[in-house]
Protein backbone atom coordinates (compact mmCIF):
# COMPACT_ATOMS: atom_id res chain seq x y z
CA MET A 1 19.06 41.11 41.09
CA SER A 2 20.73 39.25 38.25
CA ARG A 3 23.34 41.04 36.17
CA PRO A 4 23.18 41.34 32.37
CA PRO A 5 25.23 38.78 30.42
CA SER A 6 28.70 39.68 29.25
CA PRO A 7 29.32 40.37 25.53
CA PRO A 8 29.43 37.10 23.59
CA PRO A 9 32.84 36.37 22.01
CA GLU A 10 33.36 35.80 18.32
CA LEU A 11 34.22 32.16 17.76
CA PRO A 12 35.42 30.80 14.42
CA GLY A 13 33.00 28.24 12.99
CA PHE A 14 30.17 29.32 15.32
CA THR A 15 27.36 31.86 14.88
CA TYR A 16 25.97 33.61 17.94
CA VAL A 17 22.24 33.01 18.56
CA GLY A 18 21.45 34.43 22.01
CA PRO A 19 22.08 34.32 25.78
CA LEU A 20 21.18 31.22 27.75
CA GLY A 21 22.17 31.97 31.35
CA THR A 22 24.48 33.79 33.73
CA GLY A 23 26.48 32.58 36.72
CA GLY A 24 29.05 33.66 39.22
CA PHE A 25 32.01 32.52 37.14
CA ALA A 26 30.77 32.25 33.57
CA ASP A 27 28.02 33.08 31.12
CA VAL A 28 26.36 30.60 28.79
CA PHE A 29 25.28 31.45 25.26
CA ILE A 30 23.55 29.60 22.42
CA TYR A 31 25.60 29.33 19.25
CA GLU A 32 25.02 27.50 16.01
CA GLN A 33 27.92 25.37 14.95
CA GLN A 34 28.53 25.45 11.20
CA MET A 35 30.15 22.05 10.72
CA PRO A 36 28.45 19.86 11.73
CA LYS A 37 25.40 22.11 11.81
CA ARG A 38 23.76 22.04 15.22
CA LYS A 39 22.91 24.25 18.17
CA VAL A 40 25.41 24.18 21.03
CA ALA A 41 25.78 25.80 24.44
CA VAL A 42 29.00 27.77 24.93
CA LYS A 43 30.18 28.58 28.46
CA VAL A 44 32.54 31.55 28.60
CA LEU A 45 34.61 32.42 31.67
CA LEU A 46 34.02 35.97 32.91
CA ALA A 47 36.82 38.43 32.19
CA GLU A 48 37.09 39.45 35.86
CA ARG A 49 37.60 35.81 36.85
CA ILE A 50 40.61 35.33 34.59
CA SER A 51 43.96 34.99 36.37
CA SER A 52 47.42 34.17 35.08
CA SER A 53 46.78 30.44 35.34
CA ALA A 54 43.03 30.46 34.67
CA ALA A 55 43.37 29.57 30.98
CA GLN A 56 45.44 26.48 31.71
CA GLU A 57 43.12 25.46 34.56
CA PHE A 58 40.12 25.92 32.30
CA THR A 59 41.78 23.69 29.69
CA ASP A 60 42.52 21.04 32.29
CA GLU A 61 38.91 21.18 33.42
CA ALA A 62 37.76 20.77 29.81
CA ASN A 63 39.91 17.64 29.50
CA VAL A 64 38.38 16.16 32.63
CA MET A 65 34.88 17.00 31.45
CA ALA A 66 35.58 15.42 28.08
CA MET A 67 36.66 12.24 29.84
CA LEU A 68 33.48 12.17 31.92
CA SER A 69 31.02 13.37 29.29
CA THR A 70 30.60 9.90 27.78
CA HIS A 71 28.44 9.16 30.82
CA PRO A 72 24.72 9.28 29.91
CA ALA A 73 23.95 11.62 32.85
CA ILE A 74 26.77 14.14 32.24
CA VAL A 75 26.64 16.97 29.72
CA THR A 76 28.74 16.20 26.63
CA ILE A 77 31.71 18.45 25.85
CA TYR A 78 32.43 19.03 22.14
CA HIS A 79 35.27 21.55 22.10
CA ALA A 80 37.32 23.94 24.25
CA GLY A 81 39.50 26.91 23.46
CA VAL A 82 40.37 30.51 24.17
CA ALA A 83 38.51 33.31 22.39
CA ALA A 84 40.25 36.22 20.68
CA ASP A 85 39.53 38.45 23.71
CA GLY A 86 41.37 36.01 26.00
CA ARG A 87 38.34 34.39 27.62
CA PRO A 88 38.41 30.55 27.82
CA TYR A 89 35.27 28.80 26.64
CA LEU A 90 33.69 25.35 26.49
CA VAL A 91 31.39 24.14 23.70
CA MET A 92 28.85 21.77 25.19
CA GLU A 93 25.72 19.81 24.39
CA TYR A 94 22.67 22.06 24.17
CA CYS A 95 19.89 20.91 26.51
CA PRO A 96 16.73 22.77 25.50
CA ARG A 97 14.45 21.63 28.31
CA PRO A 98 14.20 23.62 31.58
CA ASN A 99 16.69 22.61 34.25
CA LEU A 100 15.45 20.88 37.39
CA GLN A 101 15.45 24.08 39.44
CA VAL A 102 12.96 25.70 37.05
CA ARG A 103 10.72 22.63 37.15
CA ALA A 104 10.90 22.25 40.93
CA ARG A 105 9.79 25.86 41.42
CA LYS A 106 6.59 25.17 39.49
CA GLU A 107 5.63 21.96 41.28
CA PRO A 108 7.23 19.07 43.18
CA PHE A 109 8.33 15.97 41.28
CA SER A 110 6.53 12.69 41.68
CA VAL A 111 8.29 10.19 43.93
CA ALA A 112 8.89 7.87 40.97
CA GLU A 113 10.57 10.54 38.82
CA ALA A 114 12.60 11.97 41.69
CA LEU A 115 14.00 8.52 42.52
CA ARG A 116 14.86 7.87 38.87
CA VAL A 117 16.66 11.21 38.51
CA GLY A 118 18.45 10.80 41.84
CA ILE A 119 19.83 7.37 40.88
CA GLN A 120 20.92 8.49 37.41
CA VAL A 121 22.72 11.59 38.73
CA ALA A 122 24.29 9.56 41.55
CA GLY A 123 25.87 7.32 38.90
CA ALA A 124 27.38 10.39 37.27
CA VAL A 125 28.72 11.68 40.58
CA GLU A 126 30.20 8.28 41.44
CA THR A 127 31.89 8.13 38.04
CA ALA A 128 33.42 11.55 38.62
CA HIS A 129 34.65 10.56 42.08
CA ARG A 130 36.34 7.45 40.70
CA ALA A 131 38.08 9.72 38.19
CA GLY A 132 39.33 11.95 41.04
CA VAL A 133 36.92 14.84 40.38
CA LEU A 134 34.71 16.49 43.03
CA HIS A 135 31.76 18.51 41.84
CA ARG A 136 31.28 20.78 44.90
CA ASP A 137 28.26 22.53 43.43
CA ILE A 138 25.52 19.94 42.94
CA LYS A 139 22.13 21.65 42.89
CA PRO A 140 18.94 21.47 40.79
CA ALA A 141 20.04 24.34 38.53
CA ASN A 142 23.17 22.39 37.55
CA ILE A 143 21.15 19.40 36.36
CA LEU A 144 20.01 20.05 32.81
CA VAL A 145 17.54 17.94 30.84
CA THR A 146 18.37 16.57 27.40
CA GLU A 147 16.04 16.31 24.43
CA TYR A 148 15.43 12.70 25.49
CA ASN A 149 14.27 13.80 28.97
CA ARG A 150 17.36 12.47 30.73
CA PRO A 151 19.13 14.45 33.47
CA ALA A 152 22.59 15.75 32.57
CA LEU A 153 24.90 17.05 35.29
CA THR A 154 27.05 20.03 34.37
CA ASP A 155 29.57 22.45 35.99
CA PHE A 156 31.95 19.76 37.24
CA GLY A 157 34.70 21.26 39.36
CA ILE A 158 34.37 24.80 37.99
CA ALA A 159 34.51 26.31 41.49
CA SER A 160 37.59 24.32 42.48
CA THR A 161 39.49 25.09 39.27
CA THR A 162 39.06 28.83 39.80
CA GLY A 163 40.31 28.53 43.37
CA ALA A 164 37.17 30.01 44.93
CA VAL A 165 35.60 27.19 46.90
CA THR A 166 34.23 29.54 49.58
CA GLU A 167 32.46 31.74 47.05
CA ALA A 168 31.10 28.78 45.17
CA THR A 169 29.57 27.31 48.29
CA GLY A 170 28.24 30.72 49.25
CA MET A 171 26.46 30.95 45.92
CA SER A 172 24.77 27.58 46.53
CA ILE A 173 24.11 27.82 50.25
CA PRO A 174 20.74 25.98 50.27
CA TRP A 175 22.37 22.73 49.05
CA SER A 176 25.79 23.02 50.72
CA PRO A 177 26.95 20.71 53.56
CA PRO A 178 27.99 22.13 56.96
CA GLU A 179 31.73 21.57 56.32
CA PHE A 180 31.62 24.14 53.52
CA PHE A 181 31.11 26.82 56.18
CA ALA A 182 34.05 25.72 58.34
CA ASP A 183 37.26 27.71 58.57
CA PRO A 184 38.88 26.69 56.30
CA PRO A 185 36.17 25.10 54.14
CA GLN A 186 36.43 21.35 53.72
CA SER A 187 35.11 19.08 51.00
CA GLY A 188 35.21 15.47 49.88
CA PRO A 189 33.10 12.77 48.23
CA ARG A 190 30.65 12.81 51.16
CA SER A 191 30.14 16.54 50.62
CA ASP A 192 28.79 15.74 47.17
CA VAL A 193 26.57 13.07 48.75
CA PHE A 194 25.07 15.74 51.01
CA ALA A 195 24.42 18.07 48.05
CA LEU A 196 22.92 15.19 46.06
CA GLY A 197 20.53 14.41 48.92
CA ALA A 198 19.62 18.10 49.25
CA THR A 199 18.91 18.26 45.53
CA LEU A 200 16.63 15.22 45.69
CA TYR A 201 14.83 16.73 48.69
CA THR A 202 14.25 19.90 46.67
CA LEU A 203 12.67 17.96 43.81
CA LEU A 204 10.29 16.23 46.22
CA ALA A 205 9.42 19.22 48.42
CA GLY A 206 9.47 22.02 45.86
CA ARG A 207 11.88 24.00 48.07
CA SER A 208 15.40 23.63 49.43
CA PRO A 209 15.75 21.43 52.56
CA PHE A 210 16.27 24.18 55.13
CA GLU A 211 14.04 26.81 53.59
CA ARG A 212 10.96 27.43 55.75
CA PRO A 213 7.86 28.92 54.14
CA GLY A 214 6.61 32.04 55.90
CA GLU A 215 9.90 32.59 57.76
CA ARG A 216 13.04 34.54 57.03
CA ASN A 217 15.36 32.59 54.73
CA SER A 218 18.47 34.72 54.40
CA GLY A 219 21.88 33.20 53.80
CA ALA A 220 22.74 33.43 57.51
CA ASP A 221 19.46 31.77 58.50
CA LEU A 222 20.04 28.92 56.05
CA ILE A 223 23.63 28.37 57.23
CA GLU A 224 22.53 28.20 60.86
CA ARG A 225 19.83 25.62 60.04
CA ILE A 226 22.20 23.58 57.87
CA GLU A 227 24.68 23.41 60.75
CA ARG A 228 22.20 22.79 63.59
CA ALA A 229 18.57 22.17 62.63
CA PRO A 230 17.26 18.66 61.89
CA LEU A 231 15.92 17.86 58.45
CA GLN A 232 12.19 18.50 58.19
CA PRO A 233 9.95 15.61 57.04
CA LEU A 234 8.76 15.70 53.45
CA ALA A 235 5.13 15.52 54.63
CA ARG A 236 4.02 13.72 51.46
CA PRO A 237 1.51 10.89 51.83
CA ASP A 238 3.00 9.08 48.82
CA SER A 239 6.55 9.19 50.22
CA PRO A 240 7.52 6.19 52.39
CA ALA A 241 9.43 6.48 55.64
CA SER A 242 12.40 4.67 54.08
CA LEU A 243 12.91 7.57 51.65
CA GLN A 244 12.93 10.06 54.52
CA ARG A 245 15.53 7.94 56.34
CA ALA A 246 17.71 7.77 53.23
CA LEU A 247 17.62 11.56 52.86
CA GLU A 248 18.39 12.08 56.55
CA ARG A 249 21.44 9.84 56.35
CA ALA A 250 22.69 11.45 53.13
CA MET A 251 22.36 14.88 54.77
CA SER A 252 23.80 14.05 58.19
CA LYS A 253 25.66 16.88 59.89
CA ASN A 254 28.63 14.59 60.47
CA PRO A 255 30.21 13.51 57.16
CA ASP A 256 31.21 10.15 58.68
CA ALA A 257 27.53 9.34 59.30
CA ARG A 258 26.55 9.83 55.66
CA TYR A 259 26.61 7.23 52.92
CA PRO A 260 30.26 6.52 52.13
CA SER A 261 29.78 7.06 48.39
CA ALA A 262 27.30 8.25 45.82
CA VAL A 263 26.71 4.68 44.62
CA ALA A 264 25.80 3.63 48.18
CA PHE A 265 23.19 6.40 48.26
CA ALA A 266 21.91 5.28 44.87
CA ARG A 267 21.48 1.71 46.14
CA ALA A 268 19.42 3.01 49.05
CA LEU A 269 17.16 4.78 46.55
CA GLN A 270 16.86 1.57 44.55
CA LYS A 271 15.61 -0.21 47.66
CA VAL A 272 12.91 2.45 47.99
CA GLN A 273 11.90 1.77 44.39
CA ILE A 274 11.64 -1.95 45.16
CA GLU A 275 9.56 -1.21 48.25
CA LEU A 276 7.17 0.88 46.14
CA THR A 277 7.13 -1.80 43.38
CA HIS A 278 8.50 0.72 40.89
CA SER A 279 10.79 -0.20 38.01
CA VAL A 280 14.35 -0.21 39.36
CA THR A 281 16.65 2.32 37.70
CA PRO A 282 20.14 0.92 36.94
CA ILE A 283 23.23 2.77 38.17
CA ASP A 284 25.64 3.62 35.37
CA ILE A 285 29.28 3.70 36.47
CA ILE A 286 32.27 4.09 34.18
CA ASP A 287 35.43 2.63 35.66
CA ASP A 288 38.33 0.81 33.96
CA HIS A 289 39.36 -0.75 37.28
CA PRO A 290 36.36 -1.10 39.62
CA ILE A 291 37.22 -1.23 43.30
CA ALA A 292 36.48 -4.65 44.77
CA GLU A 293 34.59 -3.43 47.83
CA ASP A 294 32.43 -1.16 45.68
CA LEU A 295 31.39 -4.10 43.51
CA GLU A 296 30.03 -6.19 46.37
CA ASP A 297 26.43 -5.55 45.29
CA GLU A 298 27.04 -4.64 41.66
CA ALA A 299 26.39 -8.17 40.38
CA ASP A 300 22.73 -7.90 41.34
CA GLY A 301 21.70 -6.47 37.97
CA LEU A 302 21.00 -3.02 39.42
CA THR A 303 24.43 -1.48 38.78
CA ARG A 304 26.08 -1.37 35.37
CA VAL A 305 29.85 -0.99 35.62
CA ARG A 306 31.11 -0.15 32.16
CA ASP A 307 34.73 -1.04 31.61
CA ILE A 308 36.95 -1.84 28.65
CA VAL A 309 36.21 -5.40 27.52
CA SER A 310 37.93 -7.26 24.68
CA ILE A 311 35.79 -9.98 23.10
CA GLU A 312 37.64 -12.55 21.03
CA PRO A 313 35.71 -13.72 17.94
CA ASP A 314 36.66 -17.37 18.54
CA ALA A 315 35.71 -17.38 22.20
CA GLY A 316 33.33 -20.22 22.83
CA ALA A 317 31.91 -19.04 26.10
CA THR A 318 29.57 -16.24 27.03
CA ARG A 319 30.62 -13.87 29.80
CA PRO A 320 28.40 -14.56 32.83
CA SER A 321 26.16 -11.81 34.17
CA ALA A 322 23.54 -11.38 36.86
CA THR A 323 20.82 -12.80 34.63
CA THR A 324 22.63 -15.48 32.62
CA ARG A 325 24.38 -18.57 33.86
CA PRO A 326 27.88 -19.28 32.46
CA PHE A 327 27.97 -21.49 29.38
CA SER A 328 30.81 -23.98 29.11
CA ASN A 329 31.34 -27.66 28.38
CA PRO A 330 28.85 -29.33 30.73
CA GLU A 331 29.97 -32.26 32.80
CA PRO A 332 28.46 -35.55 31.57
CA ALA A 333 25.38 -36.58 33.44
CA PRO A 334 25.85 -39.65 35.66
CA GLU A 335 24.51 -42.84 34.20
CA SER A 336 21.43 -44.28 35.77
CA THR A 337 19.33 -47.37 35.26
CA SER A 338 16.42 -46.29 37.44
CA GLY A 339 14.40 -44.94 34.54
CA PRO A 340 14.29 -41.79 32.47
CA ARG A 341 14.08 -38.40 34.07
CA PHE A 342 12.84 -35.11 32.63
CA SER A 343 14.71 -31.97 33.61
CA PRO A 344 12.81 -28.73 32.92
CA SER A 345 16.04 -26.73 32.89
CA ARG A 346 17.71 -28.82 30.16
CA PRO A 347 16.78 -27.92 26.56
CA ILE A 348 15.51 -30.74 24.33
CA GLU A 349 17.90 -31.10 21.42
CA PRO A 350 16.49 -32.36 18.09
CA SER A 351 19.13 -35.09 17.89
CA ALA A 352 18.04 -36.49 21.22
CA VAL A 353 14.41 -36.70 20.08
CA GLU A 354 15.45 -38.40 16.86
CA ASP A 355 17.61 -40.95 18.64
CA THR A 356 14.88 -41.80 21.10
CA VAL A 357 11.91 -42.07 18.74
CA LEU A 358 13.19 -43.30 15.39
CA ARG A 359 16.11 -45.54 16.20
CA VAL A 360 15.63 -49.11 17.53
CA ALA A 361 18.59 -50.84 19.10
CA PRO A 362 19.40 -54.41 17.96
CA ALA A 363 17.15 -56.78 19.84
CA ALA A 364 19.96 -59.13 20.83
CA ALA A 365 22.01 -56.39 22.45
CA ALA A 366 21.92 -55.91 26.19
CA PRO A 367 19.76 -53.00 27.42
CA ALA A 368 21.84 -49.79 27.19
CA PRO A 369 22.24 -47.62 30.29
CA VAL A 370 19.77 -44.76 30.49
CA ASP A 371 21.30 -41.41 29.43
CA ASP A 372 19.51 -38.29 30.65
CA ASP A 373 20.60 -36.38 27.56
CA ARG A 374 19.13 -38.90 25.13
CA THR A 375 16.11 -40.39 26.92
CA LEU A 376 13.41 -37.74 27.09
CA LEU A 377 10.12 -39.23 25.97
CA ARG A 378 10.01 -43.01 26.49
CA ALA A 379 10.99 -45.27 29.34
CA PRO A 380 12.93 -48.48 28.52
CA ARG A 381 11.14 -51.83 28.61
CA THR A 382 12.58 -54.63 30.70
CA LEU A 383 11.75 -58.05 29.25
CA SER A 384 11.50 -61.10 31.45
CA PRO A 385 13.11 -64.36 30.32
CA ASP A 386 9.68 -65.75 29.37
CA ALA A 387 8.91 -62.66 27.30
CA ALA A 388 12.30 -62.89 25.61
CA ALA A 389 11.61 -66.50 24.65
CA ALA A 390 8.23 -65.48 23.23
CA SER A 391 9.71 -62.61 21.23
CA PRO A 392 10.21 -63.67 17.57
CA VAL A 393 13.15 -61.31 17.26
CA LEU A 394 15.06 -62.58 20.28
CA HIS A 395 14.09 -66.18 19.55
CA ALA A 396 15.21 -66.03 15.91
CA ARG A 397 18.55 -64.41 16.77
CA ALA A 398 19.13 -67.06 19.45
CA GLU A 399 19.02 -69.96 16.94
CA PRO A 400 22.30 -71.22 15.39
CA THR A 401 22.84 -69.91 11.85
CA ALA A 402 26.08 -71.67 10.80
CA GLU A 403 25.58 -74.23 7.99
CA SER A 404 27.84 -76.74 9.76
CA THR A 405 25.09 -77.25 12.35
CA GLU A 406 22.36 -77.88 9.77
CA ALA A 407 21.50 -81.05 7.91
CA PRO A 408 21.39 -80.80 4.10
CA GLY A 409 17.65 -81.27 4.14
CA ASP A 410 17.18 -78.38 6.53
CA LYS A 411 18.76 -75.69 4.29
CA ARG A 412 15.45 -74.85 2.66
CA ARG A 413 13.73 -74.58 6.03
CA SER A 414 16.63 -72.37 7.27
CA ARG A 415 16.15 -70.04 4.33
CA VAL A 416 12.44 -69.86 5.04
CA GLY A 417 13.17 -69.18 8.69
CA LEU A 418 15.62 -66.45 7.70
CA TRP A 419 12.98 -64.69 5.61
CA VAL A 420 10.51 -65.01 8.46
CA THR A 421 13.09 -63.44 10.77
CA VAL A 422 13.73 -60.55 8.38
CA ALA A 423 9.98 -59.95 8.05
CA ALA A 424 9.59 -59.97 11.83
CA ILE A 425 12.42 -57.47 12.28
CA ALA A 426 10.90 -55.18 9.62
CA ALA A 427 7.52 -55.39 11.36
CA VAL A 428 9.10 -54.42 14.69
CA LEU A 429 10.96 -51.51 13.06
CA ILE A 430 7.84 -50.21 11.31
CA GLY A 431 5.73 -50.64 14.43
CA GLY A 432 8.29 -48.87 16.61
CA THR A 433 8.50 -45.99 14.16
CA VAL A 434 4.72 -45.59 14.03
CA VAL A 435 4.47 -45.69 17.80
CA GLY A 436 7.28 -43.10 18.12
CA ILE A 437 5.62 -40.80 15.59
CA ASN A 438 2.31 -41.10 17.44
CA VAL A 439 4.03 -40.18 20.69
CA VAL A 440 5.61 -37.08 19.13
CA SER A 441 2.56 -36.01 17.10
CA GLY A 442 0.01 -36.66 19.83
CA GLY A 443 -1.54 -39.83 18.30
CA GLU A 444 -3.83 -42.16 20.14
CA ALA A 445 -1.19 -44.80 20.86
CA ASP A 446 -0.57 -45.09 24.60
CA PRO A 447 2.97 -43.91 25.31
CA ASP A 448 5.06 -45.37 28.06
CA PRO A 449 4.74 -43.47 31.34
CA ILE A 450 7.11 -40.50 31.76
CA VAL A 451 8.83 -40.08 35.08
CA THR A 452 9.10 -36.36 35.80
CA GLN A 453 10.42 -34.27 38.62
CA ASP A 454 8.03 -32.23 40.72
CA VAL A 455 7.36 -28.98 38.89
CA VAL A 456 6.80 -25.93 41.04
CA ASP A 457 4.14 -23.57 39.74
CA PRO A 458 5.80 -20.32 38.63
CA LYS A 459 5.06 -17.33 40.79
CA ASP A 460 3.97 -13.98 39.47
CA PRO A 461 6.77 -11.53 40.44
CA VAL A 462 4.26 -8.68 40.69
CA SER A 463 1.48 -10.57 42.41
CA ASP A 464 1.87 -8.40 45.50
CA ALA A 465 1.64 -5.15 43.53
CA VAL A 466 -1.05 -2.73 44.61
CA PRO A 467 -4.01 -2.92 42.18
CA ARG A 468 -5.21 0.19 40.43
CA VAL A 469 -8.59 1.72 41.16
CA GLU A 470 -11.41 0.86 38.77
CA GLU A 471 -14.55 2.48 37.34
CA LEU A 472 -13.20 6.03 37.71
CA THR A 473 -16.00 8.37 36.54
CA GLY A 474 -16.77 12.05 36.97
CA THR A 475 -19.78 14.34 37.01
CA ARG A 476 -20.14 18.11 36.95
CA ALA A 477 -22.75 20.30 38.68
CA GLY A 478 -21.83 23.87 37.88
CA THR A 479 -18.36 24.41 39.28
CA ALA A 480 -18.62 21.40 41.60
CA ILE A 481 -16.85 18.40 40.07
CA THR A 482 -17.23 14.95 41.62
CA PHE A 483 -15.21 11.83 40.83
CA SER A 484 -15.88 8.34 42.18
CA TRP A 485 -14.15 4.99 41.76
CA SER A 486 -14.00 1.47 43.20
CA ASN A 487 -11.32 -0.49 45.04
CA PRO A 488 -10.92 -3.99 43.52
CA ALA A 489 -9.25 -5.40 46.64
CA PRO A 490 -9.86 -3.24 49.72
CA GLU A 491 -7.65 -3.65 52.80
CA ASP A 492 -7.46 -1.98 56.19
CA GLY A 493 -5.50 1.26 56.05
CA ASP A 494 -6.20 1.98 52.35
CA LEU A 495 -5.85 5.61 51.33
CA TYR A 496 -6.44 7.32 47.99
CA LEU A 497 -4.14 9.95 46.49
CA TRP A 498 -5.55 12.24 43.81
CA ASN A 499 -4.58 15.36 41.94
CA THR A 500 -5.98 17.41 39.09
CA VAL A 501 -4.22 17.40 35.70
CA ASP A 502 -4.20 20.18 33.10
CA LEU A 503 -1.91 21.46 30.36
CA ALA A 504 0.46 22.92 32.95
CA GLY A 505 0.93 19.48 34.51
CA PRO A 506 -0.39 17.70 37.62
CA GLY A 507 -1.65 19.74 40.54
CA ALA A 508 -0.97 19.27 44.24
CA THR A 509 -1.55 15.77 45.61
CA GLU A 510 -4.44 15.37 48.07
CA THR A 511 -5.73 12.39 50.01
CA THR A 512 -9.10 10.89 50.88
CA GLU A 513 -10.20 7.77 52.74
CA THR A 514 -13.37 7.35 50.68
CA THR A 515 -13.86 6.33 47.07
CA THR A 516 -15.31 9.68 46.09
CA MET A 517 -14.22 13.31 46.24
CA THR A 518 -15.59 16.69 45.17
CA PHE A 519 -13.72 19.87 44.36
CA GLN A 520 -14.40 23.22 42.75
CA GLY A 521 -13.27 23.62 39.15
CA SER A 522 -14.15 25.44 35.99
CA ALA A 523 -17.73 25.32 34.80
CA THR A 524 -16.70 24.43 31.25
CA GLY A 525 -13.90 22.55 29.55
CA GLN A 526 -12.35 19.18 30.24
CA VAL A 527 -11.17 18.43 33.77
CA CYS A 528 -9.01 15.36 34.51
CA VAL A 529 -7.73 13.75 37.71
CA ASP A 530 -5.22 11.03 38.54
CA VAL A 531 -6.13 8.62 41.36
CA MET A 532 -3.81 6.14 43.11
CA LEU A 533 -4.48 3.52 45.76
CA ARG A 534 -2.02 3.60 48.69
CA ARG A 535 -1.78 0.70 51.13
CA GLY A 536 -1.21 1.14 54.83
CA ASP A 537 2.42 0.00 54.45
CA GLY A 538 3.19 2.84 52.03
CA ARG A 539 2.99 0.92 48.74
CA ALA A 540 1.05 2.72 46.01
CA SER A 541 -0.55 1.65 42.75
CA GLU A 542 -0.07 3.12 39.31
CA PRO A 543 -2.29 6.19 38.74
CA VAL A 544 -5.57 5.95 36.85
CA ARG A 545 -6.78 9.02 34.94
CA GLY A 546 -10.41 10.03 34.56
CA CYS A 547 -11.86 13.06 32.82
CA VAL A 548 -15.16 14.91 32.70
CA GLU A 549 -16.19 17.19 29.85
């Protein structure tokens, strides 16, 4: 039976609103802060838990929490102090949504949401471990939910700061690792990994891992099962075997057999998301000096390590990441005379197009080497000696032009020949420009052939995703409600998962091997169901909702 909350303290600048919760070491109240005006949660240490050093320890804990609370999955700390009656208190972010324990009691989480929450909270736990802080009391009730529907871990290290590790683990027996019940109790980062796995199991099963429906579940019974009994399967048709294996490893009896860190457990959950073709949740880790061995897989785009980075305004390079290649001064492309090449990965610069289409090199000059950066649309022409002799441009420029080689009577003919040459050059320039413009604008002039590399057809990254069911319709005959649908791409081993949906949320998930199902519902009012297609290898489609009035 829960005890009544202790009297709320009077805090300057805050107005008491009401109680929020009670615990073994502290009570939580809702206050309204006057400046800035907002609702806050205030945790107040119980008077009977205060010792000579408790106030200083509580202050130290507040400092640690303030350092960690910048993490998106950790409750934000606003202020800490000691009330007039001597009780230390923490002013924290107010999370109005029900905590995960309240939600899990009503109904199990979907696999997709449980994986997302598990990865986000694992990032918070890993950040705390890298800061030298053990939680020691991870459980669904200590994971609050913000106004933006994000999990927020709270109660970091409260049990350890009050020097009552045994009592703290006793209060949270269903999620405690076996070493908590040793003499003396032991704890470490892998103890938090166990509790994190037990919390995720609770979200998926709707009960703690070693609680057995219909049997006695006293504290002694739970401790015995935690120390000796194997972990029961989730028994969910939409949960793959890889998720069960990840939970079993996280909750191994031997700490050395568990995942070595919270981030390693989070990566295992990410692999389950990839297997199920879900969106992969990034792991947020705050660390000024990431450990090298921990970063082995963190450049894959799935882990965000946030450190202090100074960006110089004049820096001419972009910091490389998992999805961008480094930008720097590229090495010059090797010269080639085998013809132009087109590289799909190289952007076409406007200057290169202009140089290729609009500019004509002097006809008497030797053919310039082909430059991949400047030759993108037209291949060079190679003129034979006979063609060069027939060309008016090359022929005119090959004739002597010095007056000392001309007879006086030939000066007039030379001037005429000069004007003919100028006219010929102008004609070539104008013709080349028109041809170039036609090539760029898609005119009818035949362009020179373009030598291109083999282009591989792009692949659809989600082509192997499970398709959703189609033509979901429902009918009602009294209280009997029937829904039917079609499978756009049936395969051997296909199974269909369905559940009813109402204002209270989705109902229990059921399975069927056929494309129709009937259940008993209300005779009036709207009834909706969600239907998913599950392949024989465990992959599932996105749900499709159908309703009947």
